[in-house]
Each structure stands twice: as C-alpha cells, then as structure tokens.
Amino acid sequence: MTPAQFRNQHGDSDTWTVSDFESYEHLLEVDDPDLTRATRDRLIIIGRHLQNGRVVVGLAPVPLLTA
C-alpha cells in the first residue's frame, strides 16, 4: 500500500488513531529512498532547504540526542 492509498482508505487524518499514524509513518519511510537511507545510516532528517532538499544529520556527534 502506498501513502496515497492509505490516506484514501483512512480518510481525514483528524480521525486517525495512534496506530494509523504509526502505520502511515512506516509507509512514508518505505516509500521514500531518503528516509530509508537515513534510517539505515542512523541519520535524522531535521528539516528542508529552501530548494526543497532535506537537511540530514548524523546522531553520533550529538550525544544528548543518542542518550
């Protein structure tokens, strides 16, 4: 199932359960190669550039985030 199919099947996100949000999040991760790479390499996407590129950082140099 794609993220779009999930949204069509589950309707407005205002009615989603916690489980629905978690399922949707996993679909987004699988559908997006940048998110897949970030997860594999233990990186975190923290935002976007003005040109729509993602800002990706590693967790290792930030000890407070990995604790």
PDB file of N, CA and C in Angstrom:
ATOM      1  N   MET A   1       0.844  -1.170   0.000  1.00  0.00           N
ATOM      2  CA  MET A   1       0.000   0.000   0.000  1.00  0.00           C
ATOM      3  C   MET A   1       0.893   1.239   0.000  1.00  0.00           C
ATOM      4  N   THR A   2       0.537   2.202  -0.813  1.00  0.00           N
ATOM      5  CA  THR A   2       1.281   3.461  -0.867  1.00  0.00           C
ATOM      6  C   THR A   2       0.703   4.445   0.155  1.00  0.00           C
ATOM      7  N   PRO A   3       1.455   5.502   0.483  1.00  0.00           N
ATOM      8  CA  PRO A   3       0.894   6.514   1.377  1.00  0.00           C
ATOM      9  C   PRO A   3      -0.413   7.119   0.856  1.00  0.00           C
ATOM     10  N   ALA A   4      -0.500   7.343  -0.448  1.00  0.00           N
ATOM     11  CA  ALA A   4      -1.728   7.902  -1.030  1.00  0.00           C
ATOM     12  C   ALA A   4      -2.904   6.942  -0.863  1.00  0.00           C
ATOM     13  N   GLN A   5      -2.675   5.659  -1.087  1.00  0.00           N
ATOM     14  CA  GLN A   5      -3.733   4.671  -0.912  1.00  0.00           C
ATOM     15  C   GLN A   5      -4.176   4.612   0.551  1.00  0.00           C
ATOM     16  N   PHE A   6      -3.224   4.711   1.467  1.00  0.00           N
ATOM     17  CA  PHE A   6      -3.555   4.709   2.890  1.00  0.00           C
ATOM     18  C   PHE A   6      -4.453   5.894   3.230  1.00  0.00           C
ATOM     19  N   ARG A   7      -4.077   7.092   2.748  1.00  0.00           N
ATOM     20  CA  ARG A   7      -4.885   8.289   3.016  1.00  0.00           C
ATOM     21  C   ARG A   7      -6.284   8.146   2.429  1.00  0.00           C
ATOM     22  N   ASN A   8      -6.385   7.601   1.229  1.00  0.00           N
ATOM     23  CA  ASN A   8      -7.706   7.403   0.610  1.00  0.00           C
ATOM     24  C   ASN A   8      -8.554   6.422   1.417  1.00  0.00           C
ATOM     25  N   GLN A   9      -7.945   5.384   1.928  1.00  0.00           N
ATOM     26  CA  GLN A   9      -8.677   4.362   2.672  1.00  0.00           C
ATOM     27  C   GLN A   9      -9.059   4.843   4.073  1.00  0.00           C
ATOM     28  N   HIS A  10      -8.204   5.634   4.720  1.00  0.00           N
ATOM     29  CA  HIS A  10      -8.433   6.015   6.112  1.00  0.00           C
ATOM     30  C   HIS A  10      -9.068   7.393   6.281  1.00  0.00           C
ATOM     31  N   GLY A  11      -9.225   8.130   5.212  1.00  0.00           N
ATOM     32  CA  GLY A  11      -9.912   9.421   5.296  1.00  0.00           C
ATOM     33  C   GLY A  11      -9.101  10.503   5.980  1.00  0.00           C
ATOM     34  N   ASP A  12      -9.805  11.464   6.542  1.00  0.00           N
ATOM     35  CA  ASP A  12      -9.204  12.635   7.158  1.00  0.00           C
ATOM     36  C   ASP A  12      -8.337  12.239   8.352  1.00  0.00           C
ATOM     37  N   SER A  13      -7.123  12.775   8.420  1.00  0.00           N
ATOM     38  CA  SER A  13      -6.204  12.406   9.497  1.00  0.00           C
ATOM     39  C   SER A  13      -6.692  12.844  10.875  1.00  0.00           C
ATOM     40  N   ASP A  14      -7.680  13.732  10.924  1.00  0.00           N
ATOM     41  CA  ASP A  14      -8.247  14.136  12.218  1.00  0.00           C
ATOM     42  C   ASP A  14      -8.923  12.966  12.929  1.00  0.00           C
ATOM     43  N   THR A  15      -9.278  11.933  12.171  1.00  0.00           N
ATOM     44  CA  THR A  15      -9.961  10.780  12.763  1.00  0.00           C
ATOM     45  C   THR A  15      -9.028   9.584  12.964  1.00  0.00           C
ATOM     46  N   TRP A  16      -7.766   9.708  12.620  1.00  0.00           N
ATOM     47  CA  TRP A  16      -6.827   8.595  12.726  1.00  0.00           C
ATOM     48  C   TRP A  16      -6.498   8.284  14.176  1.00  0.00           C
ATOM     49  N   THR A  17      -6.244   7.007  14.429  1.00  0.00           N
ATOM     50  CA  THR A  17      -5.778   6.557  15.740  1.00  0.00           C
ATOM     51  C   THR A  17      -4.252   6.658  15.784  1.00  0.00           C
ATOM     52  N   VAL A  18      -3.696   6.444  16.953  1.00  0.00           N
ATOM     53  CA  VAL A  18      -2.235   6.422  17.085  1.00  0.00           C
ATOM     54  C   VAL A  18      -1.654   5.339  16.182  1.00  0.00           C
ATOM     55  N   SER A  19      -2.310   4.206  16.139  1.00  0.00           N
ATOM     56  CA  SER A  19      -1.868   3.101  15.292  1.00  0.00           C
ATOM     57  C   SER A  19      -1.881   3.487  13.816  1.00  0.00           C
ATOM     58  N   ASP A  20      -2.903   4.236  13.385  1.00  0.00           N
ATOM     59  CA  ASP A  20      -2.969   4.705  11.994  1.00  0.00           C
ATOM     60  C   ASP A  20      -1.774   5.595  11.674  1.00  0.00           C
ATOM     61  N   PHE A  21      -1.450   6.513  12.585  1.00  0.00           N
ATOM     62  CA  PHE A  21      -0.310   7.407  12.357  1.00  0.00           C
ATOM     63  C   PHE A  21       0.999   6.634  12.281  1.00  0.00           C
ATOM     64  N   GLU A  22       1.154   5.640  13.141  1.00  0.00           N
ATOM     65  CA  GLU A  22       2.372   4.827  13.115  1.00  0.00           C
ATOM     66  C   GLU A  22       2.473   4.038  11.815  1.00  0.00           C
ATOM     67  N   SER A  23       1.367   3.488  11.366  1.00  0.00           N
ATOM     68  CA  SER A  23       1.356   2.746  10.103  1.00  0.00           C
ATOM     69  C   SER A  23       1.695   3.661   8.936  1.00  0.00           C
ATOM     70  N   TYR A  24       1.113   4.844   8.943  1.00  0.00           N
ATOM     71  CA  TYR A  24       1.369   5.802   7.868  1.00  0.00           C
ATOM     72  C   TYR A  24       2.840   6.227   7.874  1.00  0.00           C
ATOM     73  N   GLU A  25       3.389   6.444   9.052  1.00  0.00           N
ATOM     74  CA  GLU A  25       4.791   6.829   9.157  1.00  0.00           C
ATOM     75  C   GLU A  25       5.692   5.760   8.560  1.00  0.00           C
ATOM     76  N   HIS A  26       5.389   4.492   8.827  1.00  0.00           N
ATOM     77  CA  HIS A  26       6.185   3.401   8.270  1.00  0.00           C
ATOM     78  C   HIS A  26       6.055   3.345   6.749  1.00  0.00           C
ATOM     79  N   LEU A  27       4.869   3.587   6.233  1.00  0.00           N
ATOM     80  CA  LEU A  27       4.690   3.624   4.780  1.00  0.00           C
ATOM     81  C   LEU A  27       5.514   4.736   4.156  1.00  0.00           C
ATOM     82  N   LEU A  28       5.550   5.888   4.797  1.00  0.00           N
ATOM     83  CA  LEU A  28       6.346   7.008   4.283  1.00  0.00           C
ATOM     84  C   LEU A  28       7.830   6.656   4.267  1.00  0.00           C
ATOM     85  N   GLU A  29       8.289   6.007   5.321  1.00  0.00           N
ATOM     86  CA  GLU A  29       9.697   5.638   5.402  1.00  0.00           C
ATOM     87  C   GLU A  29      10.083   4.666   4.291  1.00  0.00           C
ATOM     88  N   VAL A  30       9.211   3.701   4.028  1.00  0.00           N
ATOM     89  CA  VAL A  30       9.493   2.702   2.997  1.00  0.00           C
ATOM     90  C   VAL A  30       9.407   3.311   1.608  1.00  0.00           C
ATOM     91  N   ASP A  31       8.493   4.257   1.414  1.00  0.00           N
ATOM     92  CA  ASP A  31       8.246   4.847   0.102  1.00  0.00           C
ATOM     93  C   ASP A  31       9.298   5.878  -0.296  1.00  0.00           C
ATOM     94  N   ASP A  32      10.054   6.408   0.653  1.00  0.00           N
ATOM     95  CA  ASP A  32      10.988   7.491   0.394  1.00  0.00           C
ATOM     96  C   ASP A  32      12.426   6.998   0.518  1.00  0.00           C
ATOM     97  N   PRO A  33      13.190   6.973  -0.586  1.00  0.00           N
ATOM     98  CA  PRO A  33      14.564   6.467  -0.511  1.00  0.00           C
ATOM     99  C   PRO A  33      15.449   7.277   0.435  1.00  0.00           C
ATOM    100  N   ASP A  34      15.201   8.578   0.579  1.00  0.00           N
ATOM    101  CA  ASP A  34      15.994   9.383   1.511  1.00  0.00           C
ATOM    102  C   ASP A  34      15.747   8.948   2.947  1.00  0.00           C
ATOM    103  N   LEU A  35      14.494   8.674   3.289  1.00  0.00           N
ATOM    104  CA  LEU A  35      14.180   8.215   4.636  1.00  0.00           C
ATOM    105  C   LEU A  35      14.739   6.823   4.891  1.00  0.00           C
ATOM    106  N   THR A  36      14.683   5.960   3.890  1.00  0.00           N
ATOM    107  CA  THR A  36      15.238   4.614   4.021  1.00  0.00           C
ATOM    108  C   THR A  36      16.736   4.687   4.285  1.00  0.00           C
ATOM    109  N   ARG A  37      17.429   5.525   3.517  1.00  0.00           N
ATOM    110  CA  ARG A  37      18.881   5.689   3.690  1.00  0.00           C
ATOM    111  C   ARG A  37      19.195   6.278   5.060  1.00  0.00           C
ATOM    112  N   ALA A  38      18.433   7.287   5.463  1.00  0.00           N
ATOM    113  CA  ALA A  38      18.672   7.923   6.755  1.00  0.00           C
ATOM    114  C   ALA A  38      18.503   6.919   7.892  1.00  0.00           C
ATOM    115  N   THR A  39      17.475   6.088   7.823  1.00  0.00           N
ATOM    116  CA  THR A  39      17.240   5.082   8.850  1.00  0.00           C
ATOM    117  C   THR A  39      18.371   4.063   8.868  1.00  0.00           C
ATOM    118  N   ARG A  40      18.779   3.609   7.701  1.00  0.00           N
ATOM    119  CA  ARG A  40      19.845   2.620   7.596  1.00  0.00           C
ATOM    120  C   ARG A  40      21.157   3.157   8.151  1.00  0.00           C
ATOM    121  N   ASP A  41      21.462   4.423   7.862  1.00  0.00           N
ATOM    122  CA  ASP A  41      22.735   5.020   8.252  1.00  0.00           C
ATOM    123  C   ASP A  41      22.687   5.732   9.602  1.00  0.00           C
ATOM    124  N   ARG A  42      21.569   5.553  10.335  1.00  0.00           N
ATOM    125  CA  ARG A  42      21.376   6.174  11.650  1.00  0.00           C
ATOM    126  C   ARG A  42      21.495   7.689  11.581  1.00  0.00           C
ATOM    127  N   LEU A  43      20.812   8.255  10.595  1.00  0.00           N
ATOM    128  CA  LEU A  43      20.755   9.699  10.419  1.00  0.00           C
ATOM    129  C   LEU A  43      19.352  10.174  10.746  1.00  0.00           C
ATOM    130  N   ILE A  44      19.203  11.464  10.923  1.00  0.00           N
ATOM    131  CA  ILE A  44      17.883  12.022  11.185  1.00  0.00           C
ATOM    132  C   ILE A  44      17.659  13.200  10.251  1.00  0.00           C
ATOM    133  N   ILE A  45      16.478  13.266   9.663  1.00  0.00           N
ATOM    134  CA  ILE A  45      16.109  14.379   8.802  1.00  0.00           C
ATOM    135  C   ILE A  45      15.456  15.431   9.693  1.00  0.00           C
ATOM    136  N   ILE A  46      16.061  16.621   9.748  1.00  0.00           N
ATOM    137  CA  ILE A  46      15.568  17.640  10.679  1.00  0.00           C
ATOM    138  C   ILE A  46      14.832  18.782  10.006  1.00  0.00           C
ATOM    139  N   GLY A  47      14.797  18.797   8.690  1.00  0.00           N
ATOM    140  CA  GLY A  47      14.094  19.882   8.007  1.00  0.00           C
ATOM    141  C   GLY A  47      14.355  19.855   6.516  1.00  0.00           C
ATOM    142  N   ARG A  48      14.081  20.986   5.871  1.00  0.00           N
ATOM    143  CA  ARG A  48      14.266  21.109   4.424  1.00  0.00           C
ATOM    144  C   ARG A  48      14.971  22.419   4.102  1.00  0.00           C
ATOM    145  N   HIS A  49      15.751  22.377   3.033  1.00  0.00           N
ATOM    146  CA  HIS A  49      16.343  23.588   2.482  1.00  0.00           C
ATOM    147  C   HIS A  49      15.265  24.367   1.743  1.00  0.00           C
ATOM    148  N   LEU A  50      15.518  25.603   1.460  1.00  0.00           N
ATOM    149  CA  LEU A  50      14.576  26.394   0.671  1.00  0.00           C
ATOM    150  C   LEU A  50      14.356  25.784  -0.705  1.00  0.00           C
ATOM    151  N   GLN A  51      15.375  25.102  -1.239  1.00  0.00           N
ATOM    152  CA  GLN A  51      15.257  24.477  -2.555  1.00  0.00           C
ATOM    153  C   GLN A  51      14.603  23.099  -2.470  1.00  0.00           C
ATOM    154  N   ASN A  52      13.975  22.769  -1.332  1.00  0.00           N
ATOM    155  CA  ASN A  52      13.233  21.522  -1.126  1.00  0.00           C
ATOM    156  C   ASN A  52      14.122  20.317  -0.855  1.00  0.00           C
ATOM    157  N   GLY A  53      15.440  20.522  -0.677  1.00  0.00           N
ATOM    158  CA  GLY A  53      16.301  19.414  -0.296  1.00  0.00           C
ATOM    159  C   GLY A  53      16.235  19.201   1.207  1.00  0.00           C
ATOM    160  N   ARG A  54      16.483  18.003   1.651  1.00  0.00           N
ATOM    161  CA  ARG A  54      16.389  17.690   3.074  1.00  0.00           C
ATOM    162  C   ARG A  54      17.678  18.051   3.811  1.00  0.00           C
ATOM    163  N   VAL A  55      17.546  18.406   5.072  1.00  0.00           N
ATOM    164  CA  VAL A  55      18.680  18.620   5.961  1.00  0.00           C
ATOM    165  C   VAL A  55      18.826  17.341   6.773  1.00  0.00           C
ATOM    166  N   VAL A  56      19.927  16.617   6.565  1.00  0.00           N
ATOM    167  CA  VAL A  56      20.143  15.328   7.209  1.00  0.00           C
ATOM    168  C   VAL A  56      21.376  15.436   8.089  1.00  0.00           C
ATOM    169  N   VAL A  57      21.272  14.971   9.330  1.00  0.00           N
ATOM    170  CA  VAL A  57      22.406  14.996  10.247  1.00  0.00           C
ATOM    171  C   VAL A  57      22.589  13.624  10.872  1.00  0.00           C
ATOM    172  N   GLY A  58      23.833  13.337  11.255  1.00  0.00           N
ATOM    173  CA  GLY A  58      24.126  12.104  11.973  1.00  0.00           C
ATOM    174  C   GLY A  58      23.887  12.299  13.457  1.00  0.00           C
ATOM    175  N   LEU A  59      23.501  11.233  14.145  1.00  0.00           N
ATOM    176  CA  LEU A  59      23.249  11.317  15.581  1.00  0.00           C
ATOM    177  C   LEU A  59      24.514  11.154  16.413  1.00  0.00           C
ATOM    178  N   ALA A  60      25.532  10.510  15.887  1.00  0.00           N
ATOM    179  CA  ALA A  60      26.737  10.222  16.664  1.00  0.00           C
ATOM    180  C   ALA A  60      27.389  11.474  17.258  1.00  0.00           C
ATOM    181  N   PRO A  61      27.520  12.594  16.512  1.00  0.00           N
ATOM    182  CA  PRO A  61      28.193  13.760  17.094  1.00  0.00           C
ATOM    183  C   PRO A  61      27.327  14.516  18.102  1.00  0.00           C
ATOM    184  N   VAL A  62      26.093  14.123  18.306  1.00  0.00           N
ATOM    185  CA  VAL A  62      25.181  14.840  19.202  1.00  0.00           C
ATOM    186  C   VAL A  62      24.808  13.891  20.354  1.00  0.00           C
ATOM    187  N   PRO A  63      25.642  13.793  21.387  1.00  0.00           N
ATOM    188  CA  PRO A  63      25.415  12.802  22.440  1.00  0.00           C
ATOM    189  C   PRO A  63      24.088  12.957  23.174  1.00  0.00           C
ATOM    190  N   LEU A  64      23.570  14.151  23.297  1.00  0.00           N
ATOM    191  CA  LEU A  64      22.315  14.327  24.010  1.00  0.00           C
ATOM    192  C   LEU A  64      21.136  13.701  23.277  1.00  0.00           C
ATOM    193  N   LEU A  65      21.215  13.627  21.944  1.00  0.00           N
ATOM    194  CA  LEU A  65      20.138  13.013  21.161  1.00  0.00           C
ATOM    195  C   LEU A  65      20.196  11.490  21.202  1.00  0.00           C
ATOM    196  N   THR A  66      21.379  10.938  21.416  1.00  0.00           N
ATOM    197  CA  THR A  66      21.512   9.485  21.375  1.00  0.00           C
ATOM    198  C   THR A  66      21.387   8.861  22.758  1.00  0.00           C
ATOM    199  N   ALA A  67      21.351   9.656  23.786  1.00  0.00           N
ATOM    200  CA  ALA A  67      21.268   9.118  25.158  1.00  0.00           C
ATOM    201  C   ALA A  67      19.884   8.553  25.433  1.00  0.00           C
TER     202      ALA A  67
END
